[in-house]
Amino acid sequence: NADRTCGGTVSTSTGWVGAIGRVAGGPWTAERRDMSNGWTCPDGSAGPADLLYSFDPVTLVGTVTSTSKPGACNDPNPQQAQQPISLSLQPA
């Protein structure tokens, strides 16, 4: 419900299922922590990251924010990147 605090689940084509949370008046969010290949390094390899999916409950359009873990890609400092996403409803 776009007007109330609510929850549910979101799943990806790779099999991940996460809880959706929403504070009244805000976007829906789902968080995935410690994803082993969540960050793409400059050399094309992958490193660990936390991912935060945030999307509008009406349009289902939003962003995924990736935050690398310290040490990913041999960088002691965490890095952050954001990409647009669009979700679609699938029948249960």
PDB file of N, CA and C in Angstrom:
ATOM      1  N   ASN A   1       0.853  -1.171   0.000  1.00  0.00           N
ATOM      2  CA  ASN A   1       0.000   0.000   0.000  1.00  0.00           C
ATOM      3  C   ASN A   1       0.901   1.236   0.000  1.00  0.00           C
ATOM      4  N   ALA A   2       0.744   2.079  -0.969  1.00  0.00           N
ATOM      5  CA  ALA A   2       1.628   3.237  -1.135  1.00  0.00           C
ATOM      6  C   ALA A   2       1.448   4.282  -0.032  1.00  0.00           C
ATOM      7  N   ASP A   3       0.376   4.230   0.742  1.00  0.00           N
ATOM      8  CA  ASP A   3       0.128   5.253   1.754  1.00  0.00           C
ATOM      9  C   ASP A   3       0.446   4.817   3.171  1.00  0.00           C
ATOM     10  N   ARG A   4       0.902   3.583   3.375  1.00  0.00           N
ATOM     11  CA  ARG A   4       1.114   3.086   4.724  1.00  0.00           C
ATOM     12  C   ARG A   4       2.479   2.445   4.874  1.00  0.00           C
ATOM     13  N   THR A   5       2.872   2.255   6.127  1.00  0.00           N
ATOM     14  CA  THR A   5       4.062   1.476   6.400  1.00  0.00           C
ATOM     15  C   THR A   5       3.732   0.024   6.080  1.00  0.00           C
ATOM     16  N   CYS A   6       4.630  -0.647   5.373  1.00  0.00           N
ATOM     17  CA  CYS A   6       4.324  -2.017   4.987  1.00  0.00           C
ATOM     18  C   CYS A   6       5.602  -2.802   4.789  1.00  0.00           C
ATOM     19  N   GLY A   7       5.456  -4.055   4.450  1.00  0.00           N
ATOM     20  CA  GLY A   7       6.601  -4.910   4.197  1.00  0.00           C
ATOM     21  C   GLY A   7       6.219  -6.019   3.250  1.00  0.00           C
ATOM     22  N   GLY A   8       7.169  -6.805   2.874  1.00  0.00           N
ATOM     23  CA  GLY A   8       6.954  -7.912   1.967  1.00  0.00           C
ATOM     24  C   GLY A   8       8.303  -8.470   1.569  1.00  0.00           C
ATOM     25  N   THR A   9       8.373  -9.095   0.404  1.00  0.00           N
ATOM     26  CA  THR A   9       9.637  -9.629  -0.078  1.00  0.00           C
ATOM     27  C   THR A   9       9.854  -9.226  -1.530  1.00  0.00           C
ATOM     28  N   VAL A  10      11.118  -9.236  -1.922  1.00  0.00           N
ATOM     29  CA  VAL A  10      11.515  -8.999  -3.294  1.00  0.00           C
ATOM     30  C   VAL A  10      12.482 -10.126  -3.646  1.00  0.00           C
ATOM     31  N   SER A  11      12.410 -10.616  -4.902  1.00  0.00           N
ATOM     32  CA  SER A  11      13.330 -11.672  -5.318  1.00  0.00           C
ATOM     33  C   SER A  11      13.972 -11.295  -6.642  1.00  0.00           C
ATOM     34  N   THR A  12      15.152 -11.868  -6.883  1.00  0.00           N
ATOM     35  CA  THR A  12      15.880 -11.586  -8.115  1.00  0.00           C
ATOM     36  C   THR A  12      15.891 -12.830  -8.998  1.00  0.00           C
ATOM     37  N   SER A  13      16.273 -12.633 -10.242  1.00  0.00           N
ATOM     38  CA  SER A  13      16.344 -13.759 -11.171  1.00  0.00           C
ATOM     39  C   SER A  13      17.454 -14.740 -10.789  1.00  0.00           C
ATOM     40  N   THR A  14      18.358 -14.335  -9.889  1.00  0.00           N
ATOM     41  CA  THR A  14      19.429 -15.225  -9.447  1.00  0.00           C
ATOM     42  C   THR A  14      19.074 -15.981  -8.172  1.00  0.00           C
ATOM     43  N   GLY A  15      17.849 -15.798  -7.678  1.00  0.00           N
ATOM     44  CA  GLY A  15      17.391 -16.574  -6.535  1.00  0.00           C
ATOM     45  C   GLY A  15      17.456 -15.888  -5.190  1.00  0.00           C
ATOM     46  N   TRP A  16      17.968 -14.659  -5.123  1.00  0.00           N
ATOM     47  CA  TRP A  16      18.023 -13.965  -3.844  1.00  0.00           C
ATOM     48  C   TRP A  16      16.636 -13.468  -3.470  1.00  0.00           C
ATOM     49  N   VAL A  17      16.246 -13.630  -2.217  1.00  0.00           N
ATOM     50  CA  VAL A  17      14.981 -13.114  -1.689  1.00  0.00           C
ATOM     51  C   VAL A  17      15.313 -12.257  -0.483  1.00  0.00           C
ATOM     52  N   GLY A  18      14.766 -11.041  -0.452  1.00  0.00           N
ATOM     53  CA  GLY A  18      15.025 -10.137   0.657  1.00  0.00           C
ATOM     54  C   GLY A  18      13.751  -9.488   1.157  1.00  0.00           C
ATOM     55  N   ALA A  19      13.792  -9.048   2.404  1.00  0.00           N
ATOM     56  CA  ALA A  19      12.645  -8.365   3.006  1.00  0.00           C
ATOM     57  C   ALA A  19      12.572  -6.929   2.503  1.00  0.00           C
ATOM     58  N   ILE A  20      11.357  -6.470   2.269  1.00  0.00           N
ATOM     59  CA  ILE A  20      11.109  -5.078   1.892  1.00  0.00           C
ATOM     60  C   ILE A  20      10.609  -4.342   3.127  1.00  0.00           C
ATOM     61  N   GLY A  21      11.130  -3.148   3.347  1.00  0.00           N
ATOM     62  CA  GLY A  21      10.656  -2.311   4.428  1.00  0.00           C
ATOM     63  C   GLY A  21      10.247  -0.958   3.886  1.00  0.00           C
ATOM     64  N   ARG A  22       9.375  -0.304   4.597  1.00  0.00           N
ATOM     65  CA  ARG A  22       8.972   1.040   4.182  1.00  0.00           C
ATOM     66  C   ARG A  22       8.504   1.832   5.382  1.00  0.00           C
ATOM     67  N   VAL A  23       9.051   3.013   5.513  1.00  0.00           N
ATOM     68  CA  VAL A  23       8.578   3.960   6.510  1.00  0.00           C
ATOM     69  C   VAL A  23       7.537   4.827   5.822  1.00  0.00           C
ATOM     70  N   ALA A  24       6.439   5.143   6.511  1.00  0.00           N
ATOM     71  CA  ALA A  24       5.367   5.945   5.929  1.00  0.00           C
ATOM     72  C   ALA A  24       5.928   7.176   5.228  1.00  0.00           C
ATOM     73  N   GLY A  25       5.532   7.370   3.979  1.00  0.00           N
ATOM     74  CA  GLY A  25       5.954   8.524   3.208  1.00  0.00           C
ATOM     75  C   GLY A  25       7.293   8.361   2.503  1.00  0.00           C
ATOM     76  N   GLY A  26       7.979   7.264   2.732  1.00  0.00           N
ATOM     77  CA  GLY A  26       9.303   7.068   2.135  1.00  0.00           C
ATOM     78  C   GLY A  26       9.294   5.984   1.076  1.00  0.00           C
ATOM     79  N   PRO A  27      10.461   5.725   0.500  1.00  0.00           N
ATOM     80  CA  PRO A  27      10.555   4.679  -0.515  1.00  0.00           C
ATOM     81  C   PRO A  27      10.554   3.295   0.137  1.00  0.00           C
ATOM     82  N   TRP A  28      10.282   2.285  -0.651  1.00  0.00           N
ATOM     83  CA  TRP A  28      10.479   0.906  -0.217  1.00  0.00           C
ATOM     84  C   TRP A  28      11.970   0.630  -0.296  1.00  0.00           C
ATOM     85  N   THR A  29      12.492  -0.161   0.620  1.00  0.00           N
ATOM     86  CA  THR A  29      13.911  -0.511   0.592  1.00  0.00           C
ATOM     87  C   THR A  29      14.090  -2.004   0.858  1.00  0.00           C
ATOM     88  N   ALA A  30      15.132  -2.549   0.281  1.00  0.00           N
ATOM     89  CA  ALA A  30      15.569  -3.915   0.572  1.00  0.00           C
ATOM     90  C   ALA A  30      17.081  -3.871   0.620  1.00  0.00           C
ATOM     91  N   GLU A  31      17.661  -4.521   1.616  1.00  0.00           N
ATOM     92  CA  GLU A  31      19.099  -4.470   1.797  1.00  0.00           C
ATOM     93  C   GLU A  31      19.703  -5.866   1.677  1.00  0.00           C
ATOM     94  N   ARG A  32      20.802  -5.938   0.979  1.00  0.00           N
ATOM     95  CA  ARG A  32      21.550  -7.193   0.834  1.00  0.00           C
ATOM     96  C   ARG A  32      22.963  -6.929   1.325  1.00  0.00           C
ATOM     97  N   ARG A  33      23.333  -7.600   2.411  1.00  0.00           N
ATOM     98  CA  ARG A  33      24.644  -7.367   3.027  1.00  0.00           C
ATOM     99  C   ARG A  33      25.622  -8.461   2.641  1.00  0.00           C
ATOM    100  N   ASP A  34      26.881  -8.078   2.581  1.00  0.00           N
ATOM    101  CA  ASP A  34      27.981  -9.023   2.356  1.00  0.00           C
ATOM    102  C   ASP A  34      27.821  -9.852   1.086  1.00  0.00           C
ATOM    103  N   MET A  35      27.417  -9.207   0.015  1.00  0.00           N
ATOM    104  CA  MET A  35      27.335  -9.902  -1.270  1.00  0.00           C
ATOM    105  C   MET A  35      28.756 -10.072  -1.798  1.00  0.00           C
ATOM    106  N   SER A  36      29.187 -11.311  -1.990  1.00  0.00           N
ATOM    107  CA  SER A  36      30.591 -11.591  -2.302  1.00  0.00           C
ATOM    108  C   SER A  36      31.048 -10.977  -3.623  1.00  0.00           C
ATOM    109  N   ASN A  37      30.148 -10.809  -4.577  1.00  0.00           N
ATOM    110  CA  ASN A  37      30.517 -10.233  -5.882  1.00  0.00           C
ATOM    111  C   ASN A  37      29.713  -8.970  -6.183  1.00  0.00           C
ATOM    112  N   GLY A  38      29.413  -8.187  -5.148  1.00  0.00           N
ATOM    113  CA  GLY A  38      28.571  -7.006  -5.312  1.00  0.00           C
ATOM    114  C   GLY A  38      29.274  -5.758  -5.838  1.00  0.00           C
ATOM    115  N   TRP A  39      30.592  -5.814  -5.949  1.00  0.00           N
ATOM    116  CA  TRP A  39      31.346  -4.647  -6.400  1.00  0.00           C
ATOM    117  C   TRP A  39      32.227  -5.048  -7.568  1.00  0.00           C
ATOM    118  N   THR A  40      32.217  -4.268  -8.648  1.00  0.00           N
ATOM    119  CA  THR A  40      33.083  -4.546  -9.789  1.00  0.00           C
ATOM    120  C   THR A  40      34.335  -3.691  -9.683  1.00  0.00           C
ATOM    121  N   CYS A  41      35.481  -4.352  -9.643  1.00  0.00           N
ATOM    122  CA  CYS A  41      36.773  -3.679  -9.521  1.00  0.00           C
ATOM    123  C   CYS A  41      37.208  -3.133 -10.879  1.00  0.00           C
ATOM    124  N   PRO A  42      38.113  -2.141 -10.890  1.00  0.00           N
ATOM    125  CA  PRO A  42      38.586  -1.568 -12.163  1.00  0.00           C
ATOM    126  C   PRO A  42      39.177  -2.606 -13.127  1.00  0.00           C
ATOM    127  N   ASP A  43      39.753  -3.687 -12.593  1.00  0.00           N
ATOM    128  CA  ASP A  43      40.332  -4.710 -13.474  1.00  0.00           C
ATOM    129  C   ASP A  43      39.310  -5.743 -13.949  1.00  0.00           C
ATOM    130  N   GLY A  44      38.034  -5.553 -13.573  1.00  0.00           N
ATOM    131  CA  GLY A  44      36.982  -6.467 -14.001  1.00  0.00           C
ATOM    132  C   GLY A  44      36.674  -7.574 -13.012  1.00  0.00           C
ATOM    133  N   SER A  45      37.503  -7.744 -11.993  1.00  0.00           N
ATOM    134  CA  SER A  45      37.223  -8.751 -10.968  1.00  0.00           C
ATOM    135  C   SER A  45      36.110  -8.234 -10.043  1.00  0.00           C
ATOM    136  N   ALA A  46      35.650  -9.084  -9.139  1.00  0.00           N
ATOM    137  CA  ALA A  46      34.561  -8.712  -8.237  1.00  0.00           C
ATOM    138  C   ALA A  46      35.045  -8.689  -6.801  1.00  0.00           C
ATOM    139  N   GLY A  47      34.437  -7.834  -6.006  1.00  0.00           N
ATOM    140  CA  GLY A  47      34.741  -7.738  -4.583  1.00  0.00           C
ATOM    141  C   GLY A  47      33.460  -7.687  -3.773  1.00  0.00           C
ATOM    142  N   PRO A  48      33.548  -7.850  -2.457  1.00  0.00           N
ATOM    143  CA  PRO A  48      32.360  -7.846  -1.607  1.00  0.00           C
ATOM    144  C   PRO A  48      31.784  -6.440  -1.423  1.00  0.00           C
ATOM    145  N   ALA A  49      30.462  -6.402  -1.263  1.00  0.00           N
ATOM    146  CA  ALA A  49      29.773  -5.117  -1.078  1.00  0.00           C
ATOM    147  C   ALA A  49      28.439  -5.331  -0.386  1.00  0.00           C
ATOM    148  N   ASP A  50      27.906  -4.260   0.150  1.00  0.00           N
ATOM    149  CA  ASP A  50      26.532  -4.205   0.638  1.00  0.00           C
ATOM    150  C   ASP A  50      25.711  -3.486  -0.426  1.00  0.00           C
ATOM    151  N   LEU A  51      24.487  -3.958  -0.668  1.00  0.00           N
ATOM    152  CA  LEU A  51      23.608  -3.346  -1.659  1.00  0.00           C
ATOM    153  C   LEU A  51      22.341  -2.863  -0.979  1.00  0.00           C
ATOM    154  N   LEU A  52      21.905  -1.657  -1.320  1.00  0.00           N
ATOM    155  CA  LEU A  52      20.650  -1.110  -0.822  1.00  0.00           C
ATOM    156  C   LEU A  52      19.777  -0.752  -2.020  1.00  0.00           C
ATOM    157  N   TYR A  53      18.662  -1.461  -2.139  1.00  0.00           N
ATOM    158  CA  TYR A  53      17.688  -1.189  -3.192  1.00  0.00           C
ATOM    159  C   TYR A  53      16.645  -0.246  -2.611  1.00  0.00           C
ATOM    160  N   SER A  54      16.350   0.828  -3.318  1.00  0.00           N
ATOM    161  CA  SER A  54      15.372   1.812  -2.871  1.00  0.00           C
ATOM    162  C   SER A  54      14.489   2.162  -4.060  1.00  0.00           C
ATOM    163  N   PHE A  55      13.152   2.043  -3.900  1.00  0.00           N
ATOM    164  CA  PHE A  55      12.284   2.296  -5.041  1.00  0.00           C
ATOM    165  C   PHE A  55      10.946   2.863  -4.623  1.00  0.00           C
ATOM    166  N   ASP A  56      10.345   3.601  -5.543  1.00  0.00           N
ATOM    167  CA  ASP A  56       9.044   4.223  -5.341  1.00  0.00           C
ATOM    168  C   ASP A  56       7.969   3.139  -5.330  1.00  0.00           C
ATOM    169  N   PRO A  57       7.060   3.138  -4.334  1.00  0.00           N
ATOM    170  CA  PRO A  57       6.052   2.089  -4.253  1.00  0.00           C
ATOM    171  C   PRO A  57       4.983   2.144  -5.348  1.00  0.00           C
ATOM    172  N   VAL A  58       4.882   3.249  -6.049  1.00  0.00           N
ATOM    173  CA  VAL A  58       3.873   3.366  -7.113  1.00  0.00           C
ATOM    174  C   VAL A  58       4.480   3.051  -8.471  1.00  0.00           C
ATOM    175  N   THR A  59       5.618   3.671  -8.793  1.00  0.00           N
ATOM    176  CA  THR A  59       6.217   3.490 -10.117  1.00  0.00           C
ATOM    177  C   THR A  59       7.171   2.291 -10.182  1.00  0.00           C
ATOM    178  N   LEU A  60       7.632   1.807  -9.016  1.00  0.00           N
ATOM    179  CA  LEU A  60       8.606   0.717  -8.914  1.00  0.00           C
ATOM    180  C   LEU A  60       9.943   1.063  -9.570  1.00  0.00           C
ATOM    181  N   VAL A  61      10.236   2.356  -9.679  1.00  0.00           N
ATOM    182  CA  VAL A  61      11.506   2.840 -10.224  1.00  0.00           C
ATOM    183  C   VAL A  61      12.333   3.374  -9.056  1.00  0.00           C
ATOM    184  N   GLY A  62      13.635   3.117  -9.096  1.00  0.00           N
ATOM    185  CA  GLY A  62      14.477   3.594  -8.012  1.00  0.00           C
ATOM    186  C   GLY A  62      15.944   3.425  -8.306  1.00  0.00           C
ATOM    187  N   THR A  63      16.712   3.125  -7.247  1.00  0.00           N
ATOM    188  CA  THR A  63      18.159   2.999  -7.383  1.00  0.00           C
ATOM    189  C   THR A  63      18.655   1.803  -6.567  1.00  0.00           C
ATOM    190  N   VAL A  64      19.812   1.305  -6.948  1.00  0.00           N
ATOM    191  CA  VAL A  64      20.563   0.369  -6.112  1.00  0.00           C
ATOM    192  C   VAL A  64      21.882   1.055  -5.790  1.00  0.00           C
ATOM    193  N   THR A  65      22.177   1.154  -4.509  1.00  0.00           N
ATOM    194  CA  THR A  65      23.412   1.759  -4.049  1.00  0.00           C
ATOM    195  C   THR A  65      24.333   0.644  -3.568  1.00  0.00           C
ATOM    196  N   SER A  66      25.511   0.552  -4.172  1.00  0.00           N
ATOM    197  CA  SER A  66      26.515  -0.446  -3.809  1.00  0.00           C
ATOM    198  C   SER A  66      27.595   0.239  -2.986  1.00  0.00           C
ATOM    199  N   THR A  67      27.950  -0.362  -1.858  1.00  0.00           N
ATOM    200  CA  THR A  67      29.034   0.140  -1.026  1.00  0.00           C
ATOM    201  C   THR A  67      30.035  -0.988  -0.849  1.00  0.00           C
ATOM    202  N   SER A  68      31.228  -0.806  -1.392  1.00  0.00           N
ATOM    203  CA  SER A  68      32.247  -1.850  -1.304  1.00  0.00           C
ATOM    204  C   SER A  68      32.720  -1.996   0.131  1.00  0.00           C
ATOM    205  N   LYS A  69      33.182  -3.178   0.451  1.00  0.00           N
ATOM    206  CA  LYS A  69      33.752  -3.440   1.770  1.00  0.00           C
ATOM    207  C   LYS A  69      35.205  -2.962   1.784  1.00  0.00           C
ATOM    208  N   PRO A  70      35.709  -2.497   2.929  1.00  0.00           N
ATOM    209  CA  PRO A  70      37.115  -2.125   3.007  1.00  0.00           C
ATOM    210  C   PRO A  70      37.996  -3.303   2.554  1.00  0.00           C
ATOM    211  N   GLY A  71      38.949  -3.018   1.701  1.00  0.00           N
ATOM    212  CA  GLY A  71      39.828  -4.055   1.186  1.00  0.00           C
ATOM    213  C   GLY A  71      39.402  -4.606  -0.160  1.00  0.00           C
ATOM    214  N   ALA A  72      38.163  -4.346  -0.592  1.00  0.00           N
ATOM    215  CA  ALA A  72      37.727  -4.797  -1.915  1.00  0.00           C
ATOM    216  C   ALA A  72      38.596  -4.127  -2.968  1.00  0.00           C
ATOM    217  N   CYS A  73      39.005  -4.864  -3.955  1.00  0.00           N
ATOM    218  CA  CYS A  73      39.827  -4.348  -5.057  1.00  0.00           C
ATOM    219  C   CYS A  73      41.156  -3.772  -4.550  1.00  0.00           C
ATOM    220  N   ASN A  74      41.629  -4.282  -3.426  1.00  0.00           N
ATOM    221  CA  ASN A  74      42.875  -3.808  -2.811  1.00  0.00           C
ATOM    222  C   ASN A  74      42.819  -2.336  -2.413  1.00  0.00           C
ATOM    223  N   ASP A  75      41.618  -1.840  -2.156  1.00  0.00           N
ATOM    224  CA  ASP A  75      41.421  -0.454  -1.721  1.00  0.00           C
ATOM    225  C   ASP A  75      40.986  -0.485  -0.258  1.00  0.00           C
ATOM    226  N   PRO A  76      41.743   0.143   0.643  1.00  0.00           N
ATOM    227  CA  PRO A  76      41.367   0.097   2.063  1.00  0.00           C
ATOM    228  C   PRO A  76      40.112   0.896   2.393  1.00  0.00           C
ATOM    229  N   ASN A  77      39.698   1.772   1.485  1.00  0.00           N
ATOM    230  CA  ASN A  77      38.537   2.625   1.739  1.00  0.00           C
ATOM    231  C   ASN A  77      37.311   2.112   1.001  1.00  0.00           C
ATOM    232  N   PRO A  78      36.162   2.086   1.677  1.00  0.00           N
ATOM    233  CA  PRO A  78      34.939   1.700   0.983  1.00  0.00           C
ATOM    234  C   PRO A  78      34.578   2.735  -0.092  1.00  0.00           C
ATOM    235  N   GLN A  79      34.082   2.260  -1.202  1.00  0.00           N
ATOM    236  CA  GLN A  79      33.631   3.118  -2.296  1.00  0.00           C
ATOM    237  C   GLN A  79      32.120   2.951  -2.440  1.00  0.00           C
ATOM    238  N   GLN A  80      31.471   3.915  -3.087  1.00  0.00           N
ATOM    239  CA  GLN A  80      30.023   3.833  -3.273  1.00  0.00           C
ATOM    240  C   GLN A  80      29.659   4.204  -4.701  1.00  0.00           C
ATOM    241  N   ALA A  81      28.682   3.482  -5.242  1.00  0.00           N
ATOM    242  CA  ALA A  81      28.175   3.757  -6.586  1.00  0.00           C
ATOM    243  C   ALA A  81      26.673   3.546  -6.579  1.00  0.00           C
ATOM    244  N   GLN A  82      25.987   4.244  -7.473  1.00  0.00           N
ATOM    245  CA  GLN A  82      24.526   4.143  -7.546  1.00  0.00           C
ATOM    246  C   GLN A  82      24.108   3.940  -8.993  1.00  0.00           C
ATOM    247  N   GLN A  83      23.128   3.042  -9.205  1.00  0.00           N
ATOM    248  CA  GLN A  83      22.604   2.781 -10.536  1.00  0.00           C
ATOM    249  C   GLN A  83      21.084   2.779 -10.484  1.00  0.00           C
ATOM    250  N   PRO A  84      20.433   3.178 -11.572  1.00  0.00           N
ATOM    251  CA  PRO A  84      18.971   3.134 -11.604  1.00  0.00           C
ATOM    252  C   PRO A  84      18.478   1.688 -11.730  1.00  0.00           C
ATOM    253  N   ILE A  85      17.308   1.424 -11.152  1.00  0.00           N
ATOM    254  CA  ILE A  85      16.659   0.121 -11.287  1.00  0.00           C
ATOM    255  C   ILE A  85      15.183   0.317 -11.570  1.00  0.00           C
ATOM    256  N   SER A  86      14.580  -0.713 -12.110  1.00  0.00           N
ATOM    257  CA  SER A  86      13.141  -0.749 -12.334  1.00  0.00           C
ATOM    258  C   SER A  86      12.665  -2.146 -11.982  1.00  0.00           C
ATOM    259  N   LEU A  87      11.639  -2.249 -11.167  1.00  0.00           N
ATOM    260  CA  LEU A  87      11.124  -3.539 -10.737  1.00  0.00           C
ATOM    261  C   LEU A  87       9.849  -3.883 -11.494  1.00  0.00           C
ATOM    262  N   SER A  88       9.536  -5.165 -11.537  1.00  0.00           N
ATOM    263  CA  SER A  88       8.274  -5.595 -12.138  1.00  0.00           C
ATOM    264  C   SER A  88       7.623  -6.611 -11.212  1.00  0.00           C
ATOM    265  N   LEU A  89       6.310  -6.584 -11.164  1.00  0.00           N
ATOM    266  CA  LEU A  89       5.550  -7.520 -10.322  1.00  0.00           C
ATOM    267  C   LEU A  89       5.410  -8.833 -11.069  1.00  0.00           C
ATOM    268  N   GLN A  90       5.631  -9.922 -10.363  1.00  0.00           N
ATOM    269  CA  GLN A  90       5.467 -11.255 -10.920  1.00  0.00           C
ATOM    270  C   GLN A  90       4.411 -11.981 -10.098  1.00  0.00           C
ATOM    271  N   PRO A  91       3.554 -12.746 -10.746  1.00  0.00           N
ATOM    272  CA  PRO A  91       2.549 -13.489  -9.987  1.00  0.00           C
ATOM    273  C   PRO A  91       3.201 -14.479  -9.036  1.00  0.00           C
ATOM    274  N   ALA A  92       2.597 -14.670  -7.907  1.00  0.00           N
ATOM    275  CA  ALA A  92       3.154 -15.581  -6.873  1.00  0.00           C
ATOM    276  C   ALA A  92       3.051 -17.027  -7.301  1.00  0.00           C
TER     277      ALA A  92
END
